[in-house]
Amino acid sequence: MKMKRFTAMTTAVLFWAVTSVSLAEPTVETVAEGLNVPCGVAIQPGTGHVFVADSAAGRVVRIVDGEIENVIVDFPIDKYGKGPVYPIGPLGLAFIEENVLAVGGGGYPDAKDKLRVYNVPAAGEAALKADDDDVSALELPATDKLAGEGNFYGVAFTGDALFVTCNGDDTKGWISRAGVKGAKVGPFMRAIATKELTEVDAPVAITVAPDGSLAVGQMGEISLPGDGLLTFYDPKDGSKLANFETGLSDITGLAYAPKGKLLATDFSWSDPSGGGLFQITAKYTKKKQSLDVTKILELDKPTAIAVDADGNVYVTVIGSGEGTSGKLLKISNL
């Protein structure tokens, strides 16, 4: 596989110029419904097809012309949360190249969850099984000093590595790393101990910023409103570049739109009426930083976000969480 190599960040001033929210009202379209706790979304390079981790249904699907098509099925199912508790299977999605998809797992107990890498079939072809013999599956087991890792919620690809948020060891709050070289993915290792650096639990959302750094949403305690952080890390050495108190509660998705606009979804576990899609303007240098957060739309328990080449924003929402109330929304005119 041909990969774009990661370009090392300079040590000069780092910031993002983010445009203001459009004065026009966003357009919201339901692309697919009948999903069961969808918890991940990614745009396939080349085709532009939208892939969704239909988590509680134990499958990854592709949306083509509004139709849901199974791509990978038979993922195991576990449970997550407290008041309410949701069934979860596949979680974060990220394409390494057009037909190579990384899927973060949440269906096993911690230490047994897997980061899987698939060569996905073309549209219309038979679906794969989650644990087919030729599937690359990577784990982060417990050690003498560290708890096992799991619930691989967010997955981001920098060009030479996959970075994955983990929610097993609450004392550390790991972001893990799997190197990517040609067709080989691995080794899979703990890389950034986010709780030690931020003093807040639960790294969940992750994306690659325009300069190559990692933007990470720290969810914090799901019962505590307003404790969500936005933190930037250097993927080369794991150092913390900047840390922002956002006032958001549970950041589940982060994505950059064209022109550097950073968008975030807030699940707002303790008060779903506060959840939605937000624009974040984050600027920092070594001596100064500033933050502005603007709510764009109220959404019903949003879980993940992706942006296509035309700037259309795709968001998965759980809705009531009862059965197949989940949807994939397309938001344009931002």
Protein backbone atom coordinates (compact mmCIF):
# COMPACT_ATOMS: atom_id res chain seq x y z
CA MET A 1 0.00 0.00 0.00
CA LYS A 2 1.22 3.50 -0.71
CA MET A 3 1.10 5.73 2.34
CA LYS A 4 1.58 9.45 2.79
CA ARG A 5 4.35 9.95 5.29
CA PHE A 6 3.78 12.07 8.39
CA THR A 7 5.55 15.42 8.21
CA ALA A 8 7.18 16.40 11.49
CA MET A 9 5.74 19.47 13.14
CA THR A 10 7.85 22.54 13.46
CA THR A 11 8.47 24.04 16.87
CA ALA A 12 7.28 27.40 15.68
CA VAL A 13 3.98 28.99 16.61
CA LEU A 14 1.07 26.55 16.38
CA PHE A 15 -2.49 27.71 15.84
CA TRP A 16 -5.59 27.24 13.74
CA ALA A 17 -7.44 30.00 11.97
CA VAL A 18 -11.06 28.93 12.19
CA THR A 19 -13.76 30.68 10.25
CA SER A 20 -16.88 31.92 11.96
CA VAL A 21 -20.14 29.99 11.94
CA SER A 22 -22.15 30.54 8.77
CA LEU A 23 -25.03 32.99 9.09
CA ALA A 24 -27.24 30.67 7.04
CA GLU A 25 -29.18 27.92 8.78
CA PRO A 26 -27.58 24.46 8.46
CA THR A 27 -29.46 21.88 6.43
CA VAL A 28 -30.05 18.55 8.18
CA GLU A 29 -30.95 15.42 6.22
CA THR A 30 -31.52 11.90 7.52
CA VAL A 31 -29.35 9.66 5.33
CA ALA A 32 -30.13 6.39 7.10
CA GLU A 33 -32.30 5.33 10.02
CA GLY A 34 -33.08 2.09 11.81
CA LEU A 35 -29.55 1.91 13.25
CA ASN A 36 -28.86 0.41 16.67
CA VAL A 37 -26.53 2.55 18.82
CA PRO A 38 -24.29 3.72 15.93
CA CYS A 39 -20.91 4.76 17.36
CA GLY A 40 -18.52 5.40 14.47
CA VAL A 41 -18.48 6.95 11.01
CA ALA A 42 -15.89 7.27 8.24
CA ILE A 43 -15.82 8.37 4.59
CA GLN A 44 -14.26 5.90 2.15
CA PRO A 45 -11.57 7.54 0.00
CA GLY A 46 -12.21 7.28 -3.72
CA THR A 47 -15.87 6.27 -3.53
CA GLY A 48 -17.13 8.80 -0.96
CA HIS A 49 -19.30 6.07 0.57
CA VAL A 50 -20.16 6.55 4.24
CA PHE A 51 -19.32 3.67 6.58
CA VAL A 52 -21.01 3.39 9.99
CA ALA A 53 -20.25 1.22 13.01
CA ASP A 54 -23.78 0.02 13.81
CA SER A 55 -22.50 -0.91 17.22
CA ALA A 56 -25.33 -2.71 19.04
CA ALA A 57 -26.17 -4.58 15.84
CA GLY A 58 -22.63 -5.97 15.79
CA ARG A 59 -21.85 -4.81 12.28
CA VAL A 60 -20.17 -2.21 10.08
CA VAL A 61 -22.36 -0.98 7.23
CA ARG A 62 -21.97 1.10 4.10
CA ILE A 63 -24.57 3.65 3.02
CA VAL A 64 -25.04 3.82 -0.76
CA ASP A 65 -27.86 5.97 -2.17
CA GLY A 66 -29.62 5.83 1.18
CA GLU A 67 -29.50 2.04 1.36
CA ILE A 68 -27.78 0.20 4.23
CA GLU A 69 -25.45 -2.60 3.14
CA ASN A 70 -23.61 -4.95 5.47
CA VAL A 71 -19.83 -4.82 5.11
CA ILE A 72 -18.63 -6.66 8.24
CA VAL A 73 -20.94 -8.65 10.53
CA ASP A 74 -20.95 -10.81 13.67
CA PHE A 75 -18.99 -8.54 16.00
CA PRO A 76 -19.32 -9.50 19.68
CA ILE A 77 -21.49 -7.28 21.90
CA ASP A 78 -20.72 -5.97 25.40
CA LYS A 79 -22.24 -3.18 27.52
CA TYR A 80 -21.09 0.33 28.44
CA GLY A 81 -22.30 3.11 30.71
CA LYS A 82 -24.42 3.64 33.75
CA GLY A 83 -27.87 5.18 33.73
CA PRO A 84 -28.41 4.32 30.85
CA VAL A 85 -26.38 1.30 29.76
CA TYR A 86 -25.86 0.74 26.03
CA PRO A 87 -24.89 -2.44 24.13
CA ILE A 88 -21.72 -1.86 22.10
CA GLY A 89 -19.76 -3.77 19.49
CA PRO A 90 -17.63 -2.10 16.78
CA LEU A 91 -16.74 1.52 17.60
CA GLY A 92 -14.20 3.83 15.91
CA LEU A 93 -13.54 3.64 12.16
CA ALA A 94 -10.66 4.97 10.07
CA PHE A 95 -9.54 4.23 6.53
CA ILE A 96 -5.84 3.58 5.96
CA GLU A 97 -6.39 3.57 2.21
CA GLU A 98 -9.41 3.12 -0.04
CA ASN A 99 -10.13 -0.52 0.75
CA VAL A 100 -8.31 -0.90 4.08
CA LEU A 101 -10.42 -0.11 7.14
CA ALA A 102 -9.40 -0.10 10.81
CA VAL A 103 -12.18 -0.86 13.31
CA GLY A 104 -11.91 -0.30 17.05
CA GLY A 105 -13.70 -2.94 19.09
CA GLY A 106 -15.79 -2.69 22.24
CA GLY A 107 -17.56 -6.04 22.33
CA TYR A 108 -15.21 -7.97 24.62
CA PRO A 109 -14.16 -7.34 28.24
CA ASP A 110 -11.16 -5.05 28.69
CA ALA A 111 -7.86 -6.71 27.71
CA LYS A 112 -9.71 -8.78 25.11
CA ASP A 113 -11.05 -6.01 22.84
CA LYS A 114 -9.39 -5.84 19.46
CA LEU A 115 -8.27 -3.31 16.88
CA ARG A 116 -9.07 -5.08 13.60
CA VAL A 117 -7.90 -4.18 10.10
CA TYR A 118 -9.94 -5.33 7.08
CA ASN A 119 -9.67 -5.34 3.32
CA VAL A 120 -13.29 -4.38 2.76
CA PRO A 121 -15.33 -5.84 -0.11
CA ALA A 122 -16.65 -3.63 -2.87
CA ALA A 123 -20.24 -2.41 -2.82
CA GLY A 124 -22.62 -5.27 -3.58
CA GLU A 125 -20.19 -8.03 -2.57
CA ALA A 126 -20.74 -10.44 0.31
CA ALA A 127 -20.05 -9.16 3.82
CA LEU A 128 -17.04 -10.27 5.84
CA LYS A 129 -17.20 -11.90 9.26
CA ALA A 130 -15.66 -9.88 12.09
CA ASP A 131 -13.19 -12.63 13.02
CA ASP A 132 -12.42 -14.13 9.62
CA ASP A 133 -9.12 -16.01 9.65
CA ASP A 134 -7.29 -13.47 7.48
CA VAL A 135 -8.27 -10.44 9.59
CA SER A 136 -5.48 -8.65 11.42
CA ALA A 137 -6.53 -8.35 15.10
CA LEU A 138 -4.45 -6.53 17.72
CA GLU A 139 -4.92 -6.46 21.52
CA LEU A 140 -3.54 -4.59 24.54
CA PRO A 141 -3.50 -7.20 27.32
CA ALA A 142 -2.85 -6.52 30.99
CA THR A 143 0.72 -6.55 32.31
CA ASP A 144 2.16 -6.83 35.81
CA LYS A 145 1.77 -3.05 36.22
CA LEU A 146 -0.96 -2.04 33.76
CA ALA A 147 -4.61 -2.94 33.35
CA GLY A 148 -5.79 -4.39 30.07
CA GLU A 149 -7.21 -1.97 27.52
CA GLY A 150 -10.45 -1.93 25.58
CA ASN A 151 -13.37 0.11 24.27
CA PHE A 152 -11.34 1.46 21.36
CA TYR A 153 -13.72 4.32 20.70
CA GLY A 154 -11.79 6.70 18.45
CA VAL A 155 -9.38 5.81 15.64
CA ALA A 156 -7.28 8.31 13.67
CA PHE A 157 -4.72 7.72 10.91
CA THR A 158 -1.74 10.08 10.61
CA GLY A 159 -0.20 8.55 7.49
CA ASP A 160 2.25 6.25 9.25
CA ALA A 161 0.31 5.17 12.34
CA LEU A 162 -3.13 4.54 13.79
CA PHE A 163 -3.87 6.29 17.08
CA VAL A 164 -6.67 4.77 19.15
CA THR A 165 -8.41 6.05 22.27
CA CYS A 166 -8.82 3.47 25.03
CA ASN A 167 -11.17 3.28 28.01
CA GLY A 168 -9.95 0.40 30.12
CA ASP A 169 -7.30 1.70 32.53
CA ASP A 170 -8.91 4.70 34.24
CA THR A 171 -5.71 5.49 36.13
CA LYS A 172 -3.82 6.23 32.89
CA GLY A 173 -6.35 6.93 30.14
CA TRP A 174 -4.30 5.63 27.25
CA ILE A 175 -4.10 6.60 23.60
CA SER A 176 -2.53 3.63 21.86
CA ARG A 177 -0.49 3.52 18.67
CA ALA A 178 -0.15 0.96 15.87
CA GLY A 179 2.50 1.69 13.27
CA VAL A 180 1.54 1.31 9.61
CA LYS A 181 4.16 0.34 7.03
CA GLY A 182 3.02 -1.01 3.70
CA ALA A 183 0.53 -3.78 4.36
CA LYS A 184 1.78 -4.31 7.93
CA VAL A 185 -0.03 -2.80 10.92
CA GLY A 186 1.65 -3.00 14.33
CA PRO A 187 3.02 -3.33 16.86
CA PHE A 188 0.04 -2.09 18.89
CA MET A 189 1.27 -0.33 22.04
CA ARG A 190 0.19 2.11 24.74
CA ALA A 191 1.55 5.51 23.75
CA ILE A 192 0.10 8.55 25.60
CA ALA A 193 -1.14 8.43 29.21
CA THR A 194 -3.73 11.18 28.91
CA LYS A 195 -5.03 11.18 32.49
CA GLU A 196 -1.53 11.73 33.83
CA LEU A 197 -1.21 14.74 31.50
CA THR A 198 -4.71 16.24 31.95
CA GLU A 199 -6.07 14.83 35.24
CA VAL A 200 -9.31 13.96 33.43
CA ASP A 201 -10.59 10.48 32.50
CA ALA A 202 -11.69 8.94 29.28
CA PRO A 203 -10.03 9.95 26.02
CA VAL A 204 -12.78 9.30 23.46
CA ALA A 205 -12.84 11.49 20.33
CA ILE A 206 -9.67 11.82 18.26
CA THR A 207 -8.73 13.39 14.94
CA VAL A 208 -5.64 14.66 13.13
CA ALA A 209 -5.27 18.45 13.12
CA PRO A 210 -4.12 20.30 9.98
CA ASP A 211 -0.54 20.51 11.29
CA GLY A 212 -0.40 16.77 12.05
CA SER A 213 -0.93 16.95 15.80
CA LEU A 214 -3.60 14.87 17.51
CA ALA A 215 -6.75 16.61 18.73
CA VAL A 216 -8.38 14.57 21.51
CA GLY A 217 -11.64 14.98 23.41
CA GLN A 218 -11.37 13.95 27.06
CA MET A 219 -14.89 12.90 28.05
CA GLY A 220 -14.30 12.95 31.80
CA GLU A 221 -16.92 11.53 34.16
CA ILE A 222 -20.22 10.88 32.40
CA SER A 223 -22.14 11.95 35.50
CA LEU A 224 -20.31 15.30 35.71
CA PRO A 225 -21.45 18.02 33.27
CA GLY A 226 -19.06 20.51 31.73
CA ASP A 227 -15.80 18.68 32.43
CA GLY A 228 -14.89 17.85 28.81
CA LEU A 229 -11.42 18.85 27.61
CA LEU A 230 -9.89 19.43 24.19
CA THR A 231 -6.21 18.48 24.23
CA PHE A 232 -3.55 18.54 21.52
CA TYR A 233 -0.64 16.08 21.50
CA ASP A 234 2.48 15.64 19.40
CA PRO A 235 2.15 12.15 17.84
CA LYS A 236 5.91 11.76 17.59
CA ASP A 237 6.71 11.91 21.30
CA GLY A 238 3.29 12.07 23.00
CA SER A 239 3.92 15.47 24.57
CA LYS A 240 0.98 17.68 25.47
CA LEU A 241 0.91 20.79 23.27
CA ALA A 242 -2.19 22.53 24.65
CA ASN A 243 -5.15 21.76 26.89
CA PHE A 244 -8.52 23.55 26.92
CA GLU A 245 -11.48 23.43 29.28
CA THR A 246 -14.35 23.53 26.78
CA GLY A 247 -17.43 23.67 28.99
CA LEU A 248 -18.76 20.71 27.00
CA SER A 249 -19.68 17.56 28.88
CA ASP A 250 -18.84 14.44 26.84
CA ILE A 251 -16.97 15.03 23.58
CA THR A 252 -17.62 11.95 21.45
CA GLY A 253 -16.54 13.17 18.00
CA LEU A 254 -14.03 15.58 16.48
CA ALA A 255 -13.41 16.37 12.81
CA TYR A 256 -11.89 19.16 10.75
CA ALA A 257 -13.97 20.63 7.97
CA PRO A 258 -12.41 22.48 5.01
CA LYS A 259 -10.56 25.71 5.92
CA GLY A 260 -9.57 24.31 9.30
CA LYS A 261 -12.96 24.52 11.03
CA LEU A 262 -12.96 22.16 14.02
CA LEU A 263 -16.31 20.51 14.73
CA ALA A 264 -17.24 18.50 17.82
CA THR A 265 -20.15 16.42 19.04
CA ASP A 266 -21.18 16.50 22.69
CA PHE A 267 -23.18 13.49 23.90
CA SER A 268 -24.00 15.31 27.16
CA TRP A 269 -24.70 12.11 29.07
CA SER A 270 -26.12 13.71 32.24
CA ASP A 271 -28.38 16.14 30.31
CA PRO A 272 -29.10 15.05 26.72
CA SER A 273 -30.82 18.37 25.97
CA GLY A 274 -27.38 19.99 26.09
CA GLY A 275 -25.95 17.70 23.43
CA GLY A 276 -25.30 18.71 19.86
CA LEU A 277 -22.87 19.78 17.17
CA PHE A 278 -20.41 22.52 18.09
CA GLN A 279 -17.71 24.59 16.42
CA ILE A 280 -14.53 25.06 18.42
CA THR A 281 -12.00 27.79 17.71
CA ALA A 282 -8.77 26.77 19.46
CA LYS A 283 -5.61 28.85 19.14
CA TYR A 284 -2.36 28.53 21.01
CA THR A 285 1.28 29.41 21.10
CA LYS A 286 3.87 28.52 23.70
CA LYS A 287 2.82 31.54 25.75
CA LYS A 288 -0.85 32.11 25.00
CA GLN A 289 -4.00 30.24 24.15
CA SER A 290 -7.63 31.08 23.48
CA LEU A 291 -10.83 29.13 22.94
CA ASP A 292 -14.31 29.82 21.64
CA VAL A 293 -17.12 27.26 21.54
CA THR A 294 -20.31 27.84 19.52
CA LYS A 295 -23.31 25.52 19.40
CA ILE A 296 -24.49 24.89 15.84
CA LEU A 297 -27.28 22.35 16.34
CA GLU A 298 -28.99 20.43 19.09
CA LEU A 299 -28.73 16.68 18.46
CA ASP A 300 -30.09 13.65 20.28
CA LYS A 301 -27.07 11.81 21.75
CA PRO A 302 -24.51 12.26 18.93
CA THR A 303 -21.67 9.74 18.94
CA ALA A 304 -19.31 10.35 16.00
CA ILE A 305 -18.57 12.76 13.17
CA ALA A 306 -16.89 12.72 9.76
CA VAL A 307 -16.58 15.31 7.00
CA ASP A 308 -16.45 14.59 3.25
CA ALA A 309 -14.41 16.39 0.60
CA ASP A 310 -17.27 18.80 -0.12
CA GLY A 311 -17.58 19.85 3.50
CA ASN A 312 -20.72 17.87 4.24
CA VAL A 313 -20.80 16.72 7.86
CA TYR A 314 -22.01 13.22 8.78
CA VAL A 315 -23.03 12.56 12.38
CA THR A 316 -24.28 9.38 14.01
CA VAL A 317 -26.93 9.78 16.72
CA ILE A 318 -28.31 7.19 19.11
CA GLY A 319 -31.66 8.86 19.64
CA SER A 320 -33.72 7.21 22.38
CA GLY A 321 -31.29 4.28 22.47
CA GLU A 322 -34.18 1.85 22.34
CA GLY A 323 -33.70 -0.66 19.54
CA THR A 324 -33.28 0.85 16.10
CA SER A 325 -33.76 4.55 16.91
CA GLY A 326 -30.27 5.46 15.69
CA LYS A 327 -29.67 7.58 12.59
CA LEU A 328 -26.99 8.88 10.28
CA LEU A 329 -27.46 12.58 9.61
CA LYS A 330 -25.96 14.70 6.85
CA ILE A 331 -25.46 18.35 7.80
CA SER A 332 -24.60 20.90 5.12
CA ASN A 333 -24.48 24.65 4.65
CA LEU A 334 -22.25 25.16 7.70
